Amino acid sequence: MPDGEAVHDLDLPWYLLCVADDDLVIDTEMKFYEGMKKDGKKIELFVSNGVGHALYLNKIAIDVDPNTCNQTRKLIQKIASFVWSPDGMPHCRWDYPCSGNQVSLVPRMKSSRKASDQ
């Protein structure tokens, strides 16, 4: 998806991209981020420092390395704060339907077509 071309016509919800600065694919992840931004999509970037890809899956590193533990904690806190508002309710993004504990984050086309027509 160079420069966000494949998502141009999609009305996407807010996107959180989490990367690690020692990740072997960070260049590709940053191209994705820049492409989404260039295409006007609402995307937020969160960078974990001094760790590699999928840092949160390495239980041994979390247990023995203070930085991996700290970065994992920050990542989980960021994801939680991105998904949930301070009052414990899901974030409602733009006109996406939201009621009670449910929020719809299904991408919709910018055209007038309804999901049932697709």
Protein backbone atom coordinates (compact mmCIF):
# COMPACT_ATOMS: atom_id res chain seq x y z
CA MET A 1 0.00 0.00 0.00
CA PRO A 2 2.47 2.67 -1.11
CA ASP A 3 1.49 6.16 -0.02
CA GLY A 4 -1.92 5.00 1.21
CA GLU A 5 -3.31 4.45 -2.29
CA ALA A 6 -5.29 1.33 -1.34
CA VAL A 7 -7.20 3.11 1.45
CA HIS A 8 -7.93 6.38 -0.31
CA ASP A 9 -11.69 5.76 -0.64
CA LEU A 10 -12.17 4.21 2.80
CA ASP A 11 -13.57 6.19 5.70
CA LEU A 12 -11.36 4.57 8.32
CA PRO A 13 -11.64 5.02 12.09
CA TRP A 14 -8.76 6.47 14.07
CA TYR A 15 -5.72 4.17 13.81
CA LEU A 16 -3.04 3.52 16.43
CA LEU A 17 0.24 2.25 14.96
CA CYS A 18 2.60 0.81 17.57
CA VAL A 19 6.20 0.27 16.51
CA ALA A 20 9.47 -0.59 18.23
CA ASP A 21 12.56 1.40 17.31
CA ASP A 22 14.72 -1.75 17.13
CA ASP A 23 12.16 -3.57 14.95
CA LEU A 24 13.65 -5.03 11.77
CA VAL A 25 10.62 -3.85 9.76
CA ILE A 26 10.41 -0.31 11.16
CA ASP A 27 11.15 1.20 7.73
CA THR A 28 8.08 -0.52 6.28
CA GLU A 29 5.97 0.45 9.30
CA MET A 30 7.02 4.10 8.93
CA LYS A 31 6.20 4.05 5.20
CA PHE A 32 2.73 2.81 6.13
CA TYR A 33 2.41 5.59 8.73
CA GLU A 34 3.56 8.30 6.32
CA GLY A 35 1.29 6.95 3.56
CA MET A 36 -1.75 7.02 5.85
CA LYS A 37 -0.93 10.57 6.97
CA LYS A 38 -0.34 11.71 3.38
CA ASP A 39 -3.76 10.32 2.45
CA GLY A 40 -5.38 12.31 5.27
CA LYS A 41 -6.19 9.34 7.50
CA LYS A 42 -6.29 9.86 11.25
CA ILE A 43 -3.36 7.82 12.55
CA GLU A 44 -1.45 8.05 15.81
CA LEU A 45 2.09 6.72 16.19
CA PHE A 46 3.43 5.14 19.38
CA VAL A 47 7.11 4.15 19.52
CA SER A 48 8.57 1.70 22.06
CA ASN A 49 12.23 2.57 22.65
CA GLY A 50 15.16 0.16 22.90
CA VAL A 51 13.14 -2.96 22.08
CA GLY A 52 12.34 -5.10 19.06
CA HIS A 53 9.28 -6.45 17.31
CA ALA A 54 6.55 -8.04 19.48
CA LEU A 55 8.37 -7.08 22.69
CA TYR A 56 5.26 -7.89 24.76
CA LEU A 57 5.44 -11.58 23.74
CA ASN A 58 8.88 -12.20 25.25
CA LYS A 59 7.99 -13.17 28.84
CA ILE A 60 11.61 -13.88 29.77
CA ALA A 61 12.74 -10.44 28.60
CA ILE A 62 9.84 -8.80 30.44
CA ASP A 63 10.86 -10.62 33.63
CA VAL A 64 14.61 -9.91 33.47
CA ASP A 65 15.04 -6.69 31.45
CA PRO A 66 13.70 -3.53 33.14
CA ASN A 67 13.46 -1.64 29.82
CA THR A 68 11.46 -4.38 28.09
CA CYS A 69 9.17 -4.55 31.12
CA ASN A 70 8.75 -0.76 31.19
CA GLN A 71 8.17 -0.48 27.43
CA THR A 72 5.62 -3.31 27.53
CA ARG A 73 3.77 -1.58 30.36
CA LYS A 74 3.77 1.73 28.43
CA LEU A 75 2.52 -0.04 25.29
CA ILE A 76 -0.37 -1.70 27.10
CA GLN A 77 -1.27 1.58 28.83
CA LYS A 78 -1.22 3.39 25.47
CA ILE A 79 -3.48 0.82 23.84
CA ALA A 80 -5.87 0.95 26.80
CA SER A 81 -6.01 4.75 26.78
CA PHE A 82 -6.52 4.74 23.00
CA VAL A 83 -9.46 2.34 23.25
CA TRP A 84 -11.07 3.54 26.49
CA SER A 85 -11.88 7.03 27.70
CA PRO A 86 -11.15 8.08 31.32
CA ASP A 87 -14.76 7.35 32.31
CA GLY A 88 -14.42 3.72 31.24
CA MET A 89 -16.55 4.05 28.12
CA PRO A 90 -15.30 3.25 24.61
CA HIS A 91 -14.14 6.18 22.53
CA CYS A 92 -16.61 7.18 19.86
CA ARG A 93 -14.79 8.28 16.73
CA TRP A 94 -16.55 10.73 14.38
CA ASP A 95 -19.95 9.36 13.39
CA TYR A 96 -19.35 5.72 14.25
CA PRO A 97 -22.32 4.38 16.21
CA CYS A 98 -21.65 4.04 19.89
CA SER A 99 -24.02 2.91 22.61
CA GLY A 100 -23.28 1.54 26.04
CA ASN A 101 -20.27 -0.74 25.85
CA GLN A 102 -20.34 -1.20 22.08
CA VAL A 103 -18.55 0.77 19.40
CA SER A 104 -18.51 0.00 15.70
CA LEU A 105 -15.11 0.43 14.09
CA VAL A 106 -15.99 -1.07 10.71
CA PRO A 107 -14.48 0.97 7.85
CA ARG A 108 -17.05 2.42 5.49
CA MET A 109 -16.74 3.68 1.95
CA LYS A 110 -16.97 7.44 1.44
CA SER A 111 -19.66 6.87 -1.18
CA SER A 112 -23.34 6.66 -0.30
CA ARG A 113 -23.34 2.85 -0.52
CA LYS A 114 -24.49 1.08 2.62
CA ALA A 115 -22.67 -1.92 4.09
CA SER A 116 -25.64 -4.11 3.08
CA ASP A 117 -25.15 -3.05 -0.58
CA GLN A 118 -21.53 -4.24 -0.71
